[in-house]
Full PDB file with SEQRES, HELIX, SHEET, SSBOND, CRYST1, ORIGX, SCALE, CONECT and MASTER records, all heavy atoms in Angstrom:
SEQRES   1 A   41  THR ILE THR LEU THR ALA ALA GLY THR ASN PRO ASP LYS          
SEQRES   2 A   41  VAL THR ILE THR SER ASP LEU ASP SER VAL GLY THR VAL          
SEQRES   3 A   41  VAL GLY LEU SER PRO SER ASN HIS LEU GLY ALA ASN SER          
SEQRES   4 A   41  ALA THR                                                      
SHEET    1 AA1 3 ILE A   2  ALA A   7  0                                        
SHEET    2 AA1 3 LYS A  13  SER A  18 -1                                        
SHEET    3 AA1 3 ASP A  21  GLY A  28 -1                                        
CRYST1    1.000    1.000    1.000  90.00  90.00  90.00 P 1           1          
ORIGX1      1.000000  0.000000  0.000000        0.00000                         
ORIGX2      0.000000  1.000000  0.000000        0.00000                         
ORIGX3      0.000000  0.000000  1.000000        0.00000                         
SCALE1      1.000000  0.000000  0.000000        0.00000                         
SCALE2      0.000000  1.000000  0.000000        0.00000                         
SCALE3      0.000000  0.000000  1.000000        0.00000                         
ATOM      1  N   THR A   1       9.278  13.301 -68.778  1.00  0.00           N  
ATOM      2  CA  THR A   1       7.951  13.911 -68.876  1.00  0.00           C  
ATOM      3  C   THR A   1       7.199  13.807 -67.558  1.00  0.00           C  
ATOM      4  O   THR A   1       7.414  12.883 -66.772  1.00  0.00           O  
ATOM      5  CB  THR A   1       7.081  13.236 -69.972  1.00  0.00           C  
ATOM      6  OG1 THR A   1       6.968  11.844 -69.666  1.00  0.00           O  
ATOM      7  CG2 THR A   1       7.674  13.424 -71.351  1.00  0.00           C  
ATOM      8  N   ILE A   2       6.320  14.761 -67.358  1.00  0.00           N  
ATOM      9  CA  ILE A   2       5.420  14.793 -66.210  1.00  0.00           C  
ATOM     10  C   ILE A   2       4.008  14.886 -66.767  1.00  0.00           C  
ATOM     11  O   ILE A   2       3.751  15.636 -67.709  1.00  0.00           O  
ATOM     12  CB  ILE A   2       5.739  15.982 -65.287  1.00  0.00           C  
ATOM     13  CG1 ILE A   2       7.116  15.767 -64.641  1.00  0.00           C  
ATOM     14  CG2 ILE A   2       4.653  16.166 -64.225  1.00  0.00           C  
ATOM     15  CD1 ILE A   2       7.612  16.942 -63.831  1.00  0.00           C  
ATOM     16  N   THR A   3       3.102  14.116 -66.167  1.00  0.00           N  
ATOM     17  CA  THR A   3       1.726  14.082 -66.639  1.00  0.00           C  
ATOM     18  C   THR A   3       0.781  14.525 -65.529  1.00  0.00           C  
ATOM     19  O   THR A   3       0.921  14.110 -64.376  1.00  0.00           O  
ATOM     20  CB  THR A   3       1.349  12.651 -67.086  1.00  0.00           C  
ATOM     21  OG1 THR A   3       2.285  12.237 -68.084  1.00  0.00           O  
ATOM     22  CG2 THR A   3      -0.050  12.591 -67.657  1.00  0.00           C  
ATOM     23  N   LEU A   4      -0.200  15.366 -65.907  1.00  0.00           N  
ATOM     24  CA  LEU A   4      -1.257  15.789 -64.994  1.00  0.00           C  
ATOM     25  C   LEU A   4      -2.540  15.113 -65.446  1.00  0.00           C  
ATOM     26  O   LEU A   4      -2.947  15.247 -66.603  1.00  0.00           O  
ATOM     27  CB  LEU A   4      -1.458  17.304 -65.036  1.00  0.00           C  
ATOM     28  CG  LEU A   4      -0.494  18.177 -64.232  1.00  0.00           C  
ATOM     29  CD1 LEU A   4       0.914  18.050 -64.740  1.00  0.00           C  
ATOM     30  CD2 LEU A   4      -0.952  19.611 -64.262  1.00  0.00           C  
ATOM     31  N   THR A   5      -3.173  14.391 -64.536  1.00  0.00           N  
ATOM     32  CA  THR A   5      -4.424  13.711 -64.831  1.00  0.00           C  
ATOM     33  C   THR A   5      -5.476  14.193 -63.844  1.00  0.00           C  
ATOM     34  O   THR A   5      -5.325  14.006 -62.632  1.00  0.00           O  
ATOM     35  CB  THR A   5      -4.266  12.181 -64.704  1.00  0.00           C  
ATOM     36  OG1 THR A   5      -3.165  11.766 -65.507  1.00  0.00           O  
ATOM     37  CG2 THR A   5      -5.523  11.463 -65.150  1.00  0.00           C  
ATOM     38  N   ALA A   6      -6.513  14.849 -64.352  1.00  0.00           N  
ATOM     39  CA  ALA A   6      -7.582  15.357 -63.503  1.00  0.00           C  
ATOM     40  C   ALA A   6      -8.703  14.326 -63.433  1.00  0.00           C  
ATOM     41  O   ALA A   6      -9.073  13.729 -64.443  1.00  0.00           O  
ATOM     42  CB  ALA A   6      -8.113  16.676 -64.054  1.00  0.00           C  
ATOM     43  N   ALA A   7      -9.231  14.131 -62.240  1.00  0.00           N  
ATOM     44  CA  ALA A   7     -10.348  13.217 -62.047  1.00  0.00           C  
ATOM     45  C   ALA A   7     -11.300  13.837 -61.032  1.00  0.00           C  
ATOM     46  O   ALA A   7     -10.904  14.654 -60.208  1.00  0.00           O  
ATOM     47  CB  ALA A   7      -9.853  11.867 -61.541  1.00  0.00           C  
ATOM     48  N   GLY A   8     -12.554  13.451 -61.123  1.00  0.00           N  
ATOM     49  CA  GLY A   8     -13.537  14.007 -60.208  1.00  0.00           C  
ATOM     50  C   GLY A   8     -14.220  15.191 -60.835  1.00  0.00           C  
ATOM     51  O   GLY A   8     -13.932  15.582 -61.964  1.00  0.00           O  
ATOM     52  N   THR A   9     -15.117  15.726 -60.112  1.00  0.00           N  
ATOM     53  CA  THR A   9     -15.846  16.890 -60.611  1.00  0.00           C  
ATOM     54  C   THR A   9     -15.923  17.923 -59.508  1.00  0.00           C  
ATOM     55  O   THR A   9     -16.494  17.672 -58.453  1.00  0.00           O  
ATOM     56  CB  THR A   9     -17.277  16.516 -61.049  1.00  0.00           C  
ATOM     57  OG1 THR A   9     -17.919  15.833 -59.970  1.00  0.00           O  
ATOM     58  CG2 THR A   9     -17.266  15.628 -62.271  1.00  0.00           C  
ATOM     59  N   ASN A  10     -15.363  19.016 -59.742  1.00  0.00           N  
ATOM     60  CA  ASN A  10     -15.457  20.201 -58.904  1.00  0.00           C  
ATOM     61  C   ASN A  10     -15.575  19.907 -57.420  1.00  0.00           C  
ATOM     62  O   ASN A  10     -16.665  19.881 -56.915  1.00  0.00           O  
ATOM     63  CB  ASN A  10     -16.632  21.048 -59.374  1.00  0.00           C  
ATOM     64  CG  ASN A  10     -16.461  21.472 -60.803  1.00  0.00           C  
ATOM     65  OD1 ASN A  10     -15.360  21.733 -61.243  1.00  0.00           O  
ATOM     66  ND2 ASN A  10     -17.537  21.531 -61.533  1.00  0.00           N  
ATOM     67  N   PRO A  11     -14.520  19.755 -56.675  1.00  0.00           N  
ATOM     68  CA  PRO A  11     -13.178  20.060 -57.164  1.00  0.00           C  
ATOM     69  C   PRO A  11     -12.507  18.845 -57.809  1.00  0.00           C  
ATOM     70  O   PRO A  11     -12.810  17.710 -57.464  1.00  0.00           O  
ATOM     71  CB  PRO A  11     -12.424  20.452 -55.901  1.00  0.00           C  
ATOM     72  CG  PRO A  11     -13.083  19.648 -54.818  1.00  0.00           C  
ATOM     73  CD  PRO A  11     -14.534  19.556 -55.224  1.00  0.00           C  
ATOM     74  N   ASP A  12     -11.632  19.148 -58.731  1.00  0.00           N  
ATOM     75  CA  ASP A  12     -10.813  18.111 -59.346  1.00  0.00           C  
ATOM     76  C   ASP A  12      -9.773  17.623 -58.346  1.00  0.00           C  
ATOM     77  O   ASP A  12      -9.328  18.372 -57.480  1.00  0.00           O  
ATOM     78  CB  ASP A  12     -10.024  18.661 -60.540  1.00  0.00           C  
ATOM     79  CG  ASP A  12     -10.803  18.647 -61.834  1.00  0.00           C  
ATOM     80  OD1 ASP A  12     -11.873  18.016 -61.893  1.00  0.00           O  
ATOM     81  OD2 ASP A  12     -10.324  19.270 -62.796  1.00  0.00           O  
ATOM     82  N   LYS A  13      -9.378  16.397 -58.521  1.00  0.00           N  
ATOM     83  CA  LYS A  13      -8.171  15.873 -57.895  1.00  0.00           C  
ATOM     84  C   LYS A  13      -7.206  15.665 -59.056  1.00  0.00           C  
ATOM     85  O   LYS A  13      -7.542  15.018 -60.040  1.00  0.00           O  
ATOM     86  CB  LYS A  13      -8.458  14.559 -57.184  1.00  0.00           C  
ATOM     87  CG  LYS A  13      -9.298  14.727 -55.933  1.00  0.00           C  
ATOM     88  CD  LYS A  13      -9.417  13.425 -55.193  1.00  0.00           C  
ATOM     89  CE  LYS A  13     -10.226  13.465 -53.929  1.00  0.00           C  
ATOM     90  NZ  LYS A  13     -10.851  14.655 -53.523  1.00  0.00           N  
ATOM     91  N   VAL A  14      -6.045  16.282 -58.973  1.00  0.00           N  
ATOM     92  CA  VAL A  14      -5.066  16.207 -60.048  1.00  0.00           C  
ATOM     93  C   VAL A  14      -3.919  15.312 -59.597  1.00  0.00           C  
ATOM     94  O   VAL A  14      -3.273  15.579 -58.581  1.00  0.00           O  
ATOM     95  CB  VAL A  14      -4.536  17.612 -60.421  1.00  0.00           C  
ATOM     96  CG1 VAL A  14      -3.518  17.517 -61.545  1.00  0.00           C  
ATOM     97  CG2 VAL A  14      -5.694  18.531 -60.809  1.00  0.00           C  
ATOM     98  N   THR A  15      -3.690  14.234 -60.347  1.00  0.00           N  
ATOM     99  CA  THR A  15      -2.580  13.332 -60.057  1.00  0.00           C  
ATOM    100  C   THR A  15      -1.404  13.735 -60.940  1.00  0.00           C  
ATOM    101  O   THR A  15      -1.545  13.860 -62.154  1.00  0.00           O  
ATOM    102  CB  THR A  15      -2.965  11.866 -60.313  1.00  0.00           C  
ATOM    103  OG1 THR A  15      -4.105  11.552 -59.513  1.00  0.00           O  
ATOM    104  CG2 THR A  15      -1.818  10.936 -59.949  1.00  0.00           C  
ATOM    105  N   ILE A  16      -0.262  13.962 -60.300  1.00  0.00           N  
ATOM    106  CA  ILE A  16       0.952  14.370 -61.000  1.00  0.00           C  
ATOM    107  C   ILE A  16       1.916  13.188 -60.981  1.00  0.00           C  
ATOM    108  O   ILE A  16       2.368  12.765 -59.916  1.00  0.00           O  
ATOM    109  CB  ILE A  16       1.587  15.604 -60.323  1.00  0.00           C  
ATOM    110  CG1 ILE A  16       0.584  16.760 -60.297  1.00  0.00           C  
ATOM    111  CG2 ILE A  16       2.871  16.004 -61.035  1.00  0.00           C  
ATOM    112  CD1 ILE A  16       0.997  17.925 -59.434  1.00  0.00           C  
ATOM    113  N   THR A  17       2.177  12.627 -62.164  1.00  0.00           N  
ATOM    114  CA  THR A  17       3.069  11.475 -62.289  1.00  0.00           C  
ATOM    115  C   THR A  17       4.172  11.801 -63.295  1.00  0.00           C  
ATOM    116  O   THR A  17       4.135  12.837 -63.962  1.00  0.00           O  
ATOM    117  CB  THR A  17       2.301  10.225 -62.766  1.00  0.00           C  
ATOM    118  OG1 THR A  17       1.672  10.519 -64.012  1.00  0.00           O  
ATOM    119  CG2 THR A  17       1.252   9.795 -61.755  1.00  0.00           C  
ATOM    120  N   SER A  18       5.121  10.876 -63.416  1.00  0.00           N  
ATOM    121  CA  SER A  18       6.187  11.050 -64.408  1.00  0.00           C  
ATOM    122  C   SER A  18       6.538   9.689 -64.991  1.00  0.00           C  
ATOM    123  O   SER A  18       6.046   8.655 -64.527  1.00  0.00           O  
ATOM    124  CB  SER A  18       7.432  11.676 -63.773  1.00  0.00           C  
ATOM    125  OG  SER A  18       8.103  10.725 -62.970  1.00  0.00           O  
ATOM    126  N   ASP A  19       7.418   9.713 -65.981  1.00  0.00           N  
ATOM    127  CA  ASP A  19       7.869   8.452 -66.564  1.00  0.00           C  
ATOM    128  C   ASP A  19       8.724   7.651 -65.577  1.00  0.00           C  
ATOM    129  O   ASP A  19       8.975   6.475 -65.803  1.00  0.00           O  
ATOM    130  CB  ASP A  19       8.603   8.692 -67.893  1.00  0.00           C  
ATOM    131  CG  ASP A  19       9.757   9.671 -67.781  1.00  0.00           C  
ATOM    132  OD1 ASP A  19       9.566  10.758 -67.189  1.00  0.00           O  
ATOM    133  OD2 ASP A  19      10.840   9.377 -68.281  1.00  0.00           O  
ATOM    134  N   LEU A  20       9.137   8.252 -64.470  1.00  0.00           N  
ATOM    135  CA  LEU A  20       9.898   7.543 -63.439  1.00  0.00           C  
ATOM    136  C   LEU A  20       9.065   7.227 -62.197  1.00  0.00           C  
ATOM    137  O   LEU A  20       9.516   6.492 -61.319  1.00  0.00           O  
ATOM    138  CB  LEU A  20      11.114   8.373 -63.004  1.00  0.00           C  
ATOM    139  CG  LEU A  20      12.147   8.694 -64.078  1.00  0.00           C  
ATOM    140  CD1 LEU A  20      13.266   9.550 -63.484  1.00  0.00           C  
ATOM    141  CD2 LEU A  20      12.707   7.420 -64.687  1.00  0.00           C  
ATOM    142  N   ASP A  21       7.866   7.807 -62.094  1.00  0.00           N  
ATOM    143  CA  ASP A  21       7.032   7.668 -60.898  1.00  0.00           C  
ATOM    144  C   ASP A  21       5.577   7.516 -61.316  1.00  0.00           C  
ATOM    145  O   ASP A  21       4.894   8.500 -61.556  1.00  0.00           O  
ATOM    146  CB  ASP A  21       7.215   8.894 -59.996  1.00  0.00           C  
ATOM    147  CG  ASP A  21       6.323   8.869 -58.761  1.00  0.00           C  
ATOM    148  OD1 ASP A  21       5.731   7.819 -58.448  1.00  0.00           O  
ATOM    149  OD2 ASP A  21       6.224   9.926 -58.105  1.00  0.00           O  
ATOM    150  N   SER A  22       5.122   6.279 -61.401  1.00  0.00           N  
ATOM    151  CA  SER A  22       3.756   6.035 -61.864  1.00  0.00           C  
ATOM    152  C   SER A  22       2.717   6.270 -60.772  1.00  0.00           C  
ATOM    153  O   SER A  22       1.526   6.387 -61.064  1.00  0.00           O  
ATOM    154  CB  SER A  22       3.620   4.609 -62.393  1.00  0.00           C  
ATOM    155  OG  SER A  22       3.903   3.688 -61.357  1.00  0.00           O  
ATOM    156  N   VAL A  23       3.139   6.373 -59.513  1.00  0.00           N  
ATOM    157  CA  VAL A  23       2.207   6.627 -58.415  1.00  0.00           C  
ATOM    158  C   VAL A  23       1.961   8.124 -58.273  1.00  0.00           C  
ATOM    159  O   VAL A  23       0.829   8.586 -58.235  1.00  0.00           O  
ATOM    160  CB  VAL A  23       2.727   6.021 -57.092  1.00  0.00           C  
ATOM    161  CG1 VAL A  23       1.806   6.385 -55.939  1.00  0.00           C  
ATOM    162  CG2 VAL A  23       2.867   4.512 -57.230  1.00  0.00           C  
ATOM    163  N   GLY A  24       3.020   8.899 -58.185  1.00  0.00           N  
ATOM    164  CA  GLY A  24       2.930  10.346 -58.151  1.00  0.00           C  
ATOM    165  C   GLY A  24       2.313  10.922 -56.896  1.00  0.00           C  
ATOM    166  O   GLY A  24       2.287  10.295 -55.845  1.00  0.00           O  
ATOM    167  N   THR A  25       1.806  12.135 -57.061  1.00  0.00           N  
ATOM    168  CA  THR A  25       1.215  12.910 -55.976  1.00  0.00           C  
ATOM    169  C   THR A  25      -0.172  13.350 -56.399  1.00  0.00           C  
ATOM    170  O   THR A  25      -0.364  13.783 -57.535  1.00  0.00           O  
ATOM    171  CB  THR A  25       2.067  14.169 -55.691  1.00  0.00           C  
ATOM    172  OG1 THR A  25       3.397  13.757 -55.367  1.00  0.00           O  
ATOM    173  CG2 THR A  25       1.507  15.000 -54.568  1.00  0.00           C  
ATOM    174  N   VAL A  26      -1.122  13.289 -55.477  1.00  0.00           N  
ATOM    175  CA  VAL A  26      -2.472  13.762 -55.766  1.00  0.00           C  
ATOM    176  C   VAL A  26      -2.651  15.127 -55.104  1.00  0.00           C  
ATOM    177  O   VAL A  26      -2.398  15.284 -53.907  1.00  0.00           O  
ATOM    178  CB  VAL A  26      -3.543  12.784 -55.255  1.00  0.00           C  
ATOM    179  CG1 VAL A  26      -4.943  13.341 -55.490  1.00  0.00           C  
ATOM    180  CG2 VAL A  26      -3.390  11.426 -55.927  1.00  0.00           C  
ATOM    181  N   VAL A  27      -3.067  16.108 -55.893  1.00  0.00           N  
ATOM    182  CA  VAL A  27      -3.347  17.449 -55.391  1.00  0.00           C  
ATOM    183  C   VAL A  27      -4.857  17.661 -55.462  1.00  0.00           C  
ATOM    184  O   VAL A  27      -5.439  17.630 -56.545  1.00  0.00           O  
ATOM    185  CB  VAL A  27      -2.630  18.533 -56.229  1.00  0.00           C  
ATOM    186  CG1 VAL A  27      -3.006  19.929 -55.750  1.00  0.00           C  
ATOM    187  CG2 VAL A  27      -1.121  18.334 -56.172  1.00  0.00           C  
ATOM    188  N   GLY A  28      -5.469  17.835 -54.305  1.00  0.00           N  
ATOM    189  CA  GLY A  28      -6.899  18.127 -54.265  1.00  0.00           C  
ATOM    190  C   GLY A  28      -7.108  19.621 -54.400  1.00  0.00           C  
ATOM    191  O   GLY A  28      -6.600  20.399 -53.595  1.00  0.00           O  
ATOM    192  N   LEU A  29      -7.816  20.027 -55.443  1.00  0.00           N  
ATOM    193  CA  LEU A  29      -8.066  21.450 -55.651  1.00  0.00           C  
ATOM    194  C   LEU A  29      -9.148  21.955 -54.688  1.00  0.00           C  
ATOM    195  O   LEU A  29      -9.918  21.172 -54.133  1.00  0.00           O  
ATOM    196  CB  LEU A  29      -8.486  21.705 -57.093  1.00  0.00           C  
ATOM    197  CG  LEU A  29      -7.488  21.269 -58.174  1.00  0.00           C  
ATOM    198  CD1 LEU A  29      -7.992  21.686 -59.553  1.00  0.00           C  
ATOM    199  CD2 LEU A  29      -6.104  21.846 -57.918  1.00  0.00           C  
ATOM    200  N   SER A  30      -9.196  23.249 -54.503  1.00  0.00           N  
ATOM    201  CA  SER A  30     -10.183  23.876 -53.625  1.00  0.00           C  
ATOM    202  C   SER A  30     -11.600  23.625 -54.146  1.00  0.00           C  
ATOM    203  O   SER A  30     -11.782  23.350 -55.336  1.00  0.00           O  
ATOM    204  CB  SER A  30      -9.926  25.383 -53.553  1.00  0.00           C  
ATOM    205  OG  SER A  30      -8.639  25.641 -53.056  1.00  0.00           O  
ATOM    206  N   PRO A  31     -12.607  23.730 -53.266  1.00  0.00           N  
ATOM    207  CA  PRO A  31     -13.989  23.487 -53.687  1.00  0.00           C  
ATOM    208  C   PRO A  31     -14.370  24.274 -54.939  1.00  0.00           C  
ATOM    209  O   PRO A  31     -14.059  25.463 -55.052  1.00  0.00           O  
ATOM    210  CB  PRO A  31     -14.813  23.943 -52.489  1.00  0.00           C  
ATOM    211  CG  PRO A  31     -13.899  23.705 -51.325  1.00  0.00           C  
ATOM    212  CD  PRO A  31     -12.523  24.046 -51.845  1.00  0.00           C  
ATOM    213  N   SER A  32     -15.011  23.580 -55.871  1.00  0.00           N  
ATOM    214  CA  SER A  32     -15.518  24.138 -57.136  1.00  0.00           C  
ATOM    215  C   SER A  32     -14.426  24.520 -58.131  1.00  0.00           C  
ATOM    216  O   SER A  32     -14.700  25.180 -59.129  1.00  0.00           O  
ATOM    217  CB  SER A  32     -16.436  25.338 -56.891  1.00  0.00           C  
ATOM    218  OG  SER A  32     -17.542  24.946 -56.114  1.00  0.00           O  
ATOM    219  N   ASN A  33     -13.180  24.130 -57.894  1.00  0.00           N  
ATOM    220  CA  ASN A  33     -12.090  24.429 -58.822  1.00  0.00           C  
ATOM    221  C   ASN A  33     -11.766  23.217 -59.691  1.00  0.00           C  
ATOM    222  O   ASN A  33     -11.874  22.076 -59.238  1.00  0.00           O  
ATOM    223  CB  ASN A  33     -10.823  24.854 -58.079  1.00  0.00           C  
ATOM    224  CG  ASN A  33     -10.916  26.254 -57.525  1.00  0.00           C  
ATOM    225  OD1 ASN A  33     -11.898  26.966 -57.735  1.00  0.00           O  
ATOM    226  ND2 ASN A  33      -9.904  26.662 -56.800  1.00  0.00           N  
ATOM    227  N   HIS A  34     -11.348  23.487 -60.915  1.00  0.00           N  
ATOM    228  CA  HIS A  34     -10.920  22.439 -61.834  1.00  0.00           C  
ATOM    229  C   HIS A  34      -9.847  22.999 -62.762  1.00  0.00           C  
ATOM    230  O   HIS A  34      -9.698  24.216 -62.885  1.00  0.00           O  
ATOM    231  CB  HIS A  34     -12.099  21.890 -62.652  1.00  0.00           C  
ATOM    232  CG  HIS A  34     -12.798  22.917 -63.476  1.00  0.00           C  
ATOM    233  ND1 HIS A  34     -13.807  23.712 -62.984  1.00  0.00           N  
ATOM    234  CD2 HIS A  34     -12.625  23.293 -64.754  1.00  0.00           C  
ATOM    235  CE1 HIS A  34     -14.221  24.542 -63.932  1.00  0.00           C  
ATOM    236  NE2 HIS A  34     -13.514  24.313 -65.016  1.00  0.00           N  
ATOM    237  N   LEU A  35      -9.082  22.109 -63.408  1.00  0.00           N  
ATOM    238  CA  LEU A  35      -8.095  22.571 -64.385  1.00  0.00           C  
ATOM    239  C   LEU A  35      -8.816  23.318 -65.487  1.00  0.00           C  
ATOM    240  O   LEU A  35      -9.870  22.891 -65.959  1.00  0.00           O  
ATOM    241  CB  LEU A  35      -7.315  21.403 -64.980  1.00  0.00           C  
ATOM    242  CG  LEU A  35      -6.223  20.778 -64.125  1.00  0.00           C  
ATOM    243  CD1 LEU A  35      -5.541  19.647 -64.888  1.00  0.00           C  
ATOM    244  CD2 LEU A  35      -5.196  21.798 -63.685  1.00  0.00           C  
ATOM    245  N   GLY A  36      -8.249  24.434 -65.905  1.00  0.00           N  
ATOM    246  CA  GLY A  36      -8.870  25.266 -66.918  1.00  0.00           C  
ATOM    247  C   GLY A  36      -8.481  24.885 -68.333  1.00  0.00           C  
ATOM    248  O   GLY A  36      -7.687  23.969 -68.567  1.00  0.00           O  
ATOM    249  N   ALA A  37      -9.056  25.634 -69.258  1.00  0.00           N  
ATOM    250  CA  ALA A  37      -8.828  25.404 -70.685  1.00  0.00           C  
ATOM    251  C   ALA A  37      -7.349  25.571 -71.032  1.00  0.00           C  
ATOM    252  O   ALA A  37      -6.644  26.401 -70.460  1.00  0.00           O  
ATOM    253  CB  ALA A  37      -9.664  26.382 -71.499  1.00  0.00           C  
ATOM    254  N   ASN A  38      -6.890  24.767 -71.952  1.00  0.00           N  
ATOM    255  CA  ASN A  38      -5.529  24.824 -72.494  1.00  0.00           C  
ATOM    256  C   ASN A  38      -4.441  24.503 -71.480  1.00  0.00           C  
ATOM    257  O   ASN A  38      -3.268  24.790 -71.728  1.00  0.00           O  
ATOM    258  CB  ASN A  38      -5.234  26.187 -73.141  1.00  0.00           C  
ATOM    259  CG  ASN A  38      -6.186  26.523 -74.252  1.00  0.00           C  
ATOM    260  OD1 ASN A  38      -6.644  25.644 -74.975  1.00  0.00           O  
ATOM    261  ND2 ASN A  38      -6.523  27.790 -74.397  1.00  0.00           N  
ATOM    262  N   SER A  39      -4.794  23.944 -70.331  1.00  0.00           N  
ATOM    263  CA  SER A  39      -3.769  23.564 -69.353  1.00  0.00           C  
ATOM    264  C   SER A  39      -2.926  22.424 -69.916  1.00  0.00           C  
ATOM    265  O   SER A  39      -3.448  21.518 -70.561  1.00  0.00           O  
ATOM    266  CB  SER A  39      -4.411  23.090 -68.048  1.00  0.00           C  
ATOM    267  OG  SER A  39      -4.923  24.174 -67.330  1.00  0.00           O  
ATOM    268  N   ALA A  40      -1.641  22.486 -69.635  1.00  0.00           N  
ATOM    269  CA  ALA A  40      -0.748  21.396 -70.045  1.00  0.00           C  
ATOM    270  C   ALA A  40      -1.152  20.133 -69.296  1.00  0.00           C  
ATOM    271  O   ALA A  40      -1.423  20.181 -68.097  1.00  0.00           O  
ATOM    272  CB  ALA A  40       0.693  21.751 -69.722  1.00  0.00           C  
ATOM    273  N   THR A  41      -1.219  19.019 -69.997  1.00  0.00           N  
ATOM    274  CA  THR A  41      -1.465  17.738 -69.334  1.00  0.00           C  
ATOM    275  C   THR A  41      -0.229  16.850 -69.426  1.00  0.00           C  
ATOM    276  O   THR A  41      -0.066  15.947 -68.625  1.00  0.00           O  
ATOM    277  CB  THR A  41      -2.688  17.005 -69.926  1.00  0.00           C  
ATOM    278  OG1 THR A  41      -2.520  16.887 -71.328  1.00  0.00           O  
ATOM    279  CG2 THR A  41      -3.967  17.772 -69.615  1.00  0.00           C  
TER     280      THR A  41                                                      
MASTER        0    0    0    0    3    0    0    6  279    1    0    4          
END                                                                             
């Protein structure tokens, strides 16, 4: 499994982790962007 965790407020920073990688990668979204409705987490 892969997990997306959004934190912050506009723009979101989305941390992408997995069951094998608890540190993962942080993706900083563009200004004023955030994960939208019904996005897979």
